[in-house]
PDB file of N, CA and C in Angstrom:
ATOM      1  N   MET A   1      -7.842  14.961  20.471  1.00  0.00           N
ATOM      2  CA  MET A   1      -7.885  14.478  19.116  1.00  0.00           C
ATOM      3  C   MET A   1      -8.822  13.274  19.049  1.00  0.00           C
ATOM      4  N   ARG A   2      -9.711  13.267  18.073  1.00  0.00           N
ATOM      5  CA  ARG A   2     -10.671  12.168  17.915  1.00  0.00           C
ATOM      6  C   ARG A   2      -9.993  10.949  17.316  1.00  0.00           C
ATOM      7  N   PRO A   3     -10.326   9.758  17.818  1.00  0.00           N
ATOM      8  CA  PRO A   3      -9.747   8.557  17.209  1.00  0.00           C
ATOM      9  C   PRO A   3     -10.298   8.349  15.805  1.00  0.00           C
ATOM     10  N   ARG A   4      -9.484   7.826  14.930  1.00  0.00           N
ATOM     11  CA  ARG A   4      -9.908   7.542  13.560  1.00  0.00           C
ATOM     12  C   ARG A   4     -10.649   6.215  13.536  1.00  0.00           C
ATOM     13  N   ASN A   5     -11.649   6.135  12.683  1.00  0.00           N
ATOM     14  CA  ASN A   5     -12.323   4.858  12.485  1.00  0.00           C
ATOM     15  C   ASN A   5     -11.356   3.927  11.774  1.00  0.00           C
ATOM     16  N   ARG A   6     -11.238   2.732  12.287  1.00  0.00           N
ATOM     17  CA  ARG A   6     -10.322   1.755  11.699  1.00  0.00           C
ATOM     18  C   ARG A   6     -11.122   0.620  11.076  1.00  0.00           C
ATOM     19  N   VAL A   7     -10.684   0.170   9.931  1.00  0.00           N
ATOM     20  CA  VAL A   7     -11.295  -0.950   9.240  1.00  0.00           C
ATOM     21  C   VAL A   7     -10.183  -1.948   8.948  1.00  0.00           C
ATOM     22  N   THR A   8     -10.480  -3.208   9.170  1.00  0.00           N
ATOM     23  CA  THR A   8      -9.494  -4.244   8.908  1.00  0.00           C
ATOM     24  C   THR A   8      -9.756  -4.881   7.548  1.00  0.00           C
ATOM     25  N   ALA A   9      -8.724  -4.960   6.754  1.00  0.00           N
ATOM     26  CA  ALA A   9      -8.808  -5.628   5.453  1.00  0.00           C
ATOM     27  C   ALA A   9      -8.089  -6.971   5.568  1.00  0.00           C
ATOM     28  N   ARG A  10      -8.689  -7.988   4.982  1.00  0.00           N
ATOM     29  CA  ARG A  10      -8.058  -9.308   4.947  1.00  0.00           C
ATOM     30  C   ARG A  10      -7.571  -9.537   3.525  1.00  0.00           C
ATOM     31  N   VAL A  11      -6.260  -9.572   3.342  1.00  0.00           N
ATOM     32  CA  VAL A  11      -5.679  -9.779   2.017  1.00  0.00           C
ATOM     33  C   VAL A  11      -5.781 -11.251   1.664  1.00  0.00           C
ATOM     34  N   GLU A  12      -6.344 -11.518   0.490  1.00  0.00           N
ATOM     35  CA  GLU A  12      -6.527 -12.895   0.036  1.00  0.00           C
ATOM     36  C   GLU A  12      -5.507 -13.281  -1.028  1.00  0.00           C
ATOM     37  N   GLY A  13      -4.889 -12.299  -1.633  1.00  0.00           N
ATOM     38  CA  GLY A  13      -3.863 -12.567  -2.635  1.00  0.00           C
ATOM     39  C   GLY A  13      -3.262 -11.265  -3.116  1.00  0.00           C
ATOM     40  N   ALA A  14      -2.005 -11.315  -3.513  1.00  0.00           N
ATOM     41  CA  ALA A  14      -1.333 -10.122  -4.030  1.00  0.00           C
ATOM     42  C   ALA A  14      -0.299 -10.559  -5.054  1.00  0.00           C
ATOM     43  N   GLU A  15      -0.226  -9.799  -6.144  1.00  0.00           N
ATOM     44  CA  GLU A  15       0.727 -10.114  -7.205  1.00  0.00           C
ATOM     45  C   GLU A  15       1.422  -8.825  -7.621  1.00  0.00           C
ATOM     46  N   LYS A  16       2.738  -8.833  -7.548  1.00  0.00           N
ATOM     47  CA  LYS A  16       3.495  -7.652  -7.945  1.00  0.00           C
ATOM     48  C   LYS A  16       3.499  -7.536  -9.464  1.00  0.00           C
ATOM     49  N   GLN A  17       3.194  -6.360  -9.952  1.00  0.00           N
ATOM     50  CA  GLN A  17       3.145  -6.075 -11.382  1.00  0.00           C
ATOM     51  C   GLN A  17       4.507  -5.577 -11.865  1.00  0.00           C
ATOM     52  N   PRO A  18       4.788  -5.697 -13.159  1.00  0.00           N
ATOM     53  CA  PRO A  18       6.073  -5.213 -13.696  1.00  0.00           C
ATOM     54  C   PRO A  18       6.320  -3.729 -13.396  1.00  0.00           C
ATOM     55  N   SER A  19       5.243  -2.954 -13.243  1.00  0.00           N
ATOM     56  CA  SER A  19       5.378  -1.519 -12.960  1.00  0.00           C
ATOM     57  C   SER A  19       5.816  -1.250 -11.522  1.00  0.00           C
ATOM     58  N   GLY A  20       5.785  -2.285 -10.672  1.00  0.00           N
ATOM     59  CA  GLY A  20       6.113  -2.098  -9.263  1.00  0.00           C
ATOM     60  C   GLY A  20       4.876  -1.995  -8.396  1.00  0.00           C
ATOM     61  N   ALA A  21       3.719  -1.797  -9.022  1.00  0.00           N
ATOM     62  CA  ALA A  21       2.454  -1.746  -8.285  1.00  0.00           C
ATOM     63  C   ALA A  21       2.056  -3.168  -7.884  1.00  0.00           C
ATOM     64  N   TRP A  22       1.104  -3.277  -6.984  1.00  0.00           N
ATOM     65  CA  TRP A  22       0.594  -4.567  -6.537  1.00  0.00           C
ATOM     66  C   TRP A  22      -0.877  -4.692  -6.892  1.00  0.00           C
ATOM     67  N   HIS A  23      -1.231  -5.799  -7.509  1.00  0.00           N
ATOM     68  CA  HIS A  23      -2.629  -6.142  -7.807  1.00  0.00           C
ATOM     69  C   HIS A  23      -3.092  -6.972  -6.599  1.00  0.00           C
ATOM     70  N   VAL A  24      -4.004  -6.424  -5.808  1.00  0.00           N
ATOM     71  CA  VAL A  24      -4.354  -7.025  -4.519  1.00  0.00           C
ATOM     72  C   VAL A  24      -5.827  -7.422  -4.472  1.00  0.00           C
ATOM     73  N   GLU A  25      -6.069  -8.652  -4.063  1.00  0.00           N
ATOM     74  CA  GLU A  25      -7.425  -9.152  -3.803  1.00  0.00           C
ATOM     75  C   GLU A  25      -7.602  -9.132  -2.293  1.00  0.00           C
ATOM     76  N   TYR A  26      -8.669  -8.466  -1.819  1.00  0.00           N
ATOM     77  CA  TYR A  26      -8.855  -8.359  -0.375  1.00  0.00           C
ATOM     78  C   TYR A  26     -10.330  -8.248  -0.032  1.00  0.00           C
ATOM     79  N   GLU A  27     -10.621  -8.348   1.252  1.00  0.00           N
ATOM     80  CA  GLU A  27     -12.002  -8.284   1.744  1.00  0.00           C
ATOM     81  C   GLU A  27     -12.074  -7.290   2.894  1.00  0.00           C
ATOM     82  N   ILE A  28     -13.087  -6.441   2.851  1.00  0.00           N
ATOM     83  CA  ILE A  28     -13.387  -5.522   3.954  1.00  0.00           C
ATOM     84  C   ILE A  28     -14.864  -5.678   4.275  1.00  0.00           C
ATOM     85  N   GLU A  29     -15.163  -6.061   5.495  1.00  0.00           N
ATOM     86  CA  GLU A  29     -16.541  -6.226   5.967  1.00  0.00           C
ATOM     87  C   GLU A  29     -17.378  -7.046   4.990  1.00  0.00           C
ATOM     88  N   HIS A  30     -16.855  -8.200   4.584  1.00  0.00           N
ATOM     89  CA  HIS A  30     -17.531  -9.172   3.713  1.00  0.00           C
ATOM     90  C   HIS A  30     -17.720  -8.686   2.276  1.00  0.00           C
ATOM     91  N   VAL A  31     -17.013  -7.647   1.881  1.00  0.00           N
ATOM     92  CA  VAL A  31     -17.055  -7.158   0.501  1.00  0.00           C
ATOM     93  C   VAL A  31     -15.723  -7.517  -0.155  1.00  0.00           C
ATOM     94  N   GLN A  32     -15.781  -8.234  -1.282  1.00  0.00           N
ATOM     95  CA  GLN A  32     -14.590  -8.635  -2.018  1.00  0.00           C
ATOM     96  C   GLN A  32     -14.139  -7.494  -2.922  1.00  0.00           C
ATOM     97  N   LEU A  33     -12.866  -7.156  -2.880  1.00  0.00           N
ATOM     98  CA  LEU A  33     -12.313  -6.059  -3.671  1.00  0.00           C
ATOM     99  C   LEU A  33     -11.045  -6.510  -4.382  1.00  0.00           C
ATOM    100  N   VAL A  34     -10.789  -5.922  -5.528  1.00  0.00           N
ATOM    101  CA  VAL A  34      -9.542  -6.142  -6.268  1.00  0.00           C
ATOM    102  C   VAL A  34      -9.097  -4.772  -6.755  1.00  0.00           C
ATOM    103  N   ASP A  35      -7.928  -4.350  -6.322  1.00  0.00           N
ATOM    104  CA  ASP A  35      -7.442  -3.017  -6.665  1.00  0.00           C
ATOM    105  C   ASP A  35      -5.942  -3.036  -6.894  1.00  0.00           C
ATOM    106  N   THR A  36      -5.441  -1.918  -7.397  1.00  0.00           N
ATOM    107  CA  THR A  36      -4.009  -1.725  -7.611  1.00  0.00           C
ATOM    108  C   THR A  36      -3.494  -0.769  -6.541  1.00  0.00           C
ATOM    109  N   TRP A  37      -2.426  -1.185  -5.875  1.00  0.00           N
ATOM    110  CA  TRP A  37      -1.845  -0.416  -4.771  1.00  0.00           C
ATOM    111  C   TRP A  37      -0.350  -0.206  -4.992  1.00  0.00           C
ATOM    112  N   HIS A  38       0.175   0.875  -4.409  1.00  0.00           N
ATOM    113  CA  HIS A  38       1.613   1.165  -4.394  1.00  0.00           C
ATOM    114  C   HIS A  38       2.029   1.331  -2.933  1.00  0.00           C
ATOM    115  N   TYR A  39       3.260   0.944  -2.627  1.00  0.00           N
ATOM    116  CA  TYR A  39       3.808   1.169  -1.286  1.00  0.00           C
ATOM    117  C   TYR A  39       4.724   2.371  -1.382  1.00  0.00           C
ATOM    118  N   VAL A  40       4.332   3.489  -0.772  1.00  0.00           N
ATOM    119  CA  VAL A  40       5.049   4.755  -0.893  1.00  0.00           C
ATOM    120  C   VAL A  40       5.333   5.309   0.498  1.00  0.00           C
ATOM    121  N   HIS A  41       6.581   5.550   0.807  1.00  0.00           N
ATOM    122  CA  HIS A  41       6.991   6.137   2.083  1.00  0.00           C
ATOM    123  C   HIS A  41       6.340   5.426   3.281  1.00  0.00           C
ATOM    124  N   HIS A  42       6.425   4.111   3.285  1.00  0.00           N
ATOM    125  CA  HIS A  42       5.933   3.270   4.395  1.00  0.00           C
ATOM    126  C   HIS A  42       4.421   3.244   4.531  1.00  0.00           C
ATOM    127  N   HIS A  43       3.693   3.589   3.458  1.00  0.00           N
ATOM    128  CA  HIS A  43       2.220   3.557   3.472  1.00  0.00           C
ATOM    129  C   HIS A  43       1.713   2.941   2.170  1.00  0.00           C
ATOM    130  N   TRP A  44       0.608   2.213   2.251  1.00  0.00           N
ATOM    131  CA  TRP A  44      -0.054   1.705   1.062  1.00  0.00           C
ATOM    132  C   TRP A  44      -0.955   2.781   0.489  1.00  0.00           C
ATOM    133  N   VAL A  45      -0.872   3.022  -0.815  1.00  0.00           N
ATOM    134  CA  VAL A  45      -1.636   4.062  -1.492  1.00  0.00           C
ATOM    135  C   VAL A  45      -2.417   3.421  -2.641  1.00  0.00           C
ATOM    136  N   LEU A  46      -3.737   3.636  -2.643  1.00  0.00           N
ATOM    137  CA  LEU A  46      -4.597   3.114  -3.705  1.00  0.00           C
ATOM    138  C   LEU A  46      -4.355   3.883  -4.996  1.00  0.00           C
ATOM    139  N   ASP A  47      -4.206   3.172  -6.087  1.00  0.00           N
ATOM    140  CA  ASP A  47      -4.087   3.790  -7.408  1.00  0.00           C
ATOM    141  C   ASP A  47      -5.484   3.802  -8.021  1.00  0.00           C
ATOM    142  N   ILE A  48      -6.230   4.867  -7.790  1.00  0.00           N
ATOM    143  CA  ILE A  48      -7.625   4.940  -8.231  1.00  0.00           C
ATOM    144  C   ILE A  48      -7.726   4.902  -9.757  1.00  0.00           C
ATOM    145  N   VAL A  49      -6.761   5.464 -10.459  1.00  0.00           N
ATOM    146  CA  VAL A  49      -6.817   5.486 -11.924  1.00  0.00           C
ATOM    147  C   VAL A  49      -6.742   4.069 -12.486  1.00  0.00           C
ATOM    148  N   LYS A  50      -5.858   3.237 -11.953  1.00  0.00           N
ATOM    149  CA  LYS A  50      -5.747   1.864 -12.434  1.00  0.00           C
ATOM    150  C   LYS A  50      -6.842   0.967 -11.856  1.00  0.00           C
ATOM    151  N   SER A  51      -7.265   1.241 -10.630  1.00  0.00           N
ATOM    152  CA  SER A  51      -8.272   0.407  -9.984  1.00  0.00           C
ATOM    153  C   SER A  51      -9.670   0.658 -10.517  1.00  0.00           C
ATOM    154  N   ASN A  52      -9.979   1.921 -10.763  1.00  0.00           N
ATOM    155  CA  ASN A  52     -11.330   2.273 -11.203  1.00  0.00           C
ATOM    156  C   ASN A  52     -11.274   3.543 -12.054  1.00  0.00           C
ATOM    157  N   PRO A  53     -10.883   3.413 -13.321  1.00  0.00           N
ATOM    158  CA  PRO A  53     -10.715   4.599 -14.174  1.00  0.00           C
ATOM    159  C   PRO A  53     -11.983   5.436 -14.304  1.00  0.00           C
ATOM    160  N   GLN A  54     -13.143   4.800 -14.331  1.00  0.00           N
ATOM    161  CA  GLN A  54     -14.389   5.552 -14.462  1.00  0.00           C
ATOM    162  C   GLN A  54     -14.600   6.456 -13.252  1.00  0.00           C
ATOM    163  N   ALA A  55     -14.343   5.946 -12.061  1.00  0.00           N
ATOM    164  CA  ALA A  55     -14.478   6.759 -10.853  1.00  0.00           C
ATOM    165  C   ALA A  55     -13.456   7.894 -10.863  1.00  0.00           C
ATOM    166  N   ALA A  56     -12.252   7.614 -11.309  1.00  0.00           N
ATOM    167  CA  ALA A  56     -11.210   8.648 -11.340  1.00  0.00           C
ATOM    168  C   ALA A  56     -11.634   9.817 -12.223  1.00  0.00           C
ATOM    169  N   ARG A  57     -12.247   9.519 -13.380  1.00  0.00           N
ATOM    170  CA  ARG A  57     -12.728  10.601 -14.262  1.00  0.00           C
ATOM    171  C   ARG A  57     -13.805  11.423 -13.566  1.00  0.00           C
ATOM    172  N   ARG A  58     -14.672  10.758 -12.820  1.00  0.00           N
ATOM    173  CA  ARG A  58     -15.741  11.488 -12.120  1.00  0.00           C
ATOM    174  C   ARG A  58     -15.186  12.421 -11.058  1.00  0.00           C
ATOM    175  N   TYR A  59     -14.137  11.994 -10.358  1.00  0.00           N
ATOM    176  CA  TYR A  59     -13.566  12.833  -9.300  1.00  0.00           C
ATOM    177  C   TYR A  59     -13.006  14.136  -9.844  1.00  0.00           C
ATOM    178  N   ALA A  60     -12.664  14.172 -11.127  1.00  0.00           N
ATOM    179  CA  ALA A  60     -12.114  15.385 -11.737  1.00  0.00           C
ATOM    180  C   ALA A  60     -13.213  16.365 -12.159  1.00  0.00           C
ATOM    181  N   MET A  61     -14.474  15.936 -12.113  1.00  0.00           N
ATOM    182  CA  MET A  61     -15.596  16.789 -12.540  1.00  0.00           C
ATOM    183  C   MET A  61     -15.898  17.874 -11.502  1.00  0.00           C
ATOM    184  N   PRO A  62     -16.491  18.977 -11.942  1.00  0.00           N
ATOM    185  CA  PRO A  62     -17.031  19.947 -10.982  1.00  0.00           C
ATOM    186  C   PRO A  62     -18.104  19.239 -10.137  1.00  0.00           C
ATOM    187  N   PHE A  63     -18.304  19.705  -8.904  1.00  0.00           N
ATOM    188  CA  PHE A  63     -19.181  19.000  -7.973  1.00  0.00           C
ATOM    189  C   PHE A  63     -20.569  18.720  -8.543  1.00  0.00           C
ATOM    190  N   GLY A  64     -21.206  19.711  -9.165  1.00  0.00           N
ATOM    191  CA  GLY A  64     -22.559  19.521  -9.695  1.00  0.00           C
ATOM    192  C   GLY A  64     -22.630  18.410 -10.728  1.00  0.00           C
ATOM    193  N   GLU A  65     -21.637  18.366 -11.610  1.00  0.00           N
ATOM    194  CA  GLU A  65     -21.595  17.300 -12.619  1.00  0.00           C
ATOM    195  C   GLU A  65     -21.364  15.947 -11.967  1.00  0.00           C
ATOM    196  N   TYR A  66     -20.463  15.909 -10.977  1.00  0.00           N
ATOM    197  CA  TYR A  66     -20.178  14.663 -10.276  1.00  0.00           C
ATOM    198  C   TYR A  66     -21.445  14.146  -9.584  1.00  0.00           C
ATOM    199  N   ALA A  67     -22.128  15.032  -8.876  1.00  0.00           N
ATOM    200  CA  ALA A  67     -23.348  14.633  -8.159  1.00  0.00           C
ATOM    201  C   ALA A  67     -24.374  14.076  -9.125  1.00  0.00           C
ATOM    202  N   ALA A  68     -24.565  14.721 -10.269  1.00  0.00           N
ATOM    203  CA  ALA A  68     -25.521  14.249 -11.256  1.00  0.00           C
ATOM    204  C   ALA A  68     -25.068  12.891 -11.833  1.00  0.00           C
ATOM    205  N   ALA A  69     -23.777  12.720 -12.063  1.00  0.00           N
ATOM    206  CA  ALA A  69     -23.252  11.472 -12.638  1.00  0.00           C
ATOM    207  C   ALA A  69     -23.453  10.281 -11.725  1.00  0.00           C
ATOM    208  N   VAL A  70     -23.441  10.517 -10.407  1.00  0.00           N
ATOM    209  CA  VAL A  70     -23.620   9.406  -9.464  1.00  0.00           C
ATOM    210  C   VAL A  70     -25.070   9.287  -9.009  1.00  0.00           C
ATOM    211  N   GLY A  71     -25.951  10.098  -9.596  1.00  0.00           N
ATOM    212  CA  GLY A  71     -27.384   9.957  -9.323  1.00  0.00           C
ATOM    213  C   GLY A  71     -27.947  10.830  -8.234  1.00  0.00           C
ATOM    214  N   CYS A  72     -27.209  11.824  -7.786  1.00  0.00           N
ATOM    215  CA  CYS A  72     -27.699  12.712  -6.745  1.00  0.00           C
ATOM    216  C   CYS A  72     -28.521  13.829  -7.391  1.00  0.00           C
ATOM    217  N   SER A  73     -29.755  14.003  -6.935  1.00  0.00           N
ATOM    218  CA  SER A  73     -30.598  15.047  -7.511  1.00  0.00           C
ATOM    219  C   SER A  73     -30.705  16.267  -6.603  1.00  0.00           C
ATOM    220  N   VAL A  74     -30.180  16.180  -5.378  1.00  0.00           N
ATOM    221  CA  VAL A  74     -30.223  17.307  -4.443  1.00  0.00           C
ATOM    222  C   VAL A  74     -28.787  17.710  -4.154  1.00  0.00           C
ATOM    223  N   HIS A  75     -28.380  18.861  -4.702  1.00  0.00           N
ATOM    224  CA  HIS A  75     -26.990  19.316  -4.457  1.00  0.00           C
ATOM    225  C   HIS A  75     -26.916  20.795  -4.539  1.00  0.00           C
TER     226      HIS A  75
END
């Protein structure tokens, strides 16, 4: 079995929301991020819809439309 690539995130702040989700400020490889996360069955799960609604809509597109929306001209 191949080892998984691991990335370390440094959490800079976290605030629990009334919904139970967490609004988290963190850094990965010198990139500052702010996203909404849930803790589900002992794992952290990114809430892409709350964190980046525009990206979430794109993920629902057929591949050709998605590729064109993100600027890919070869697909």
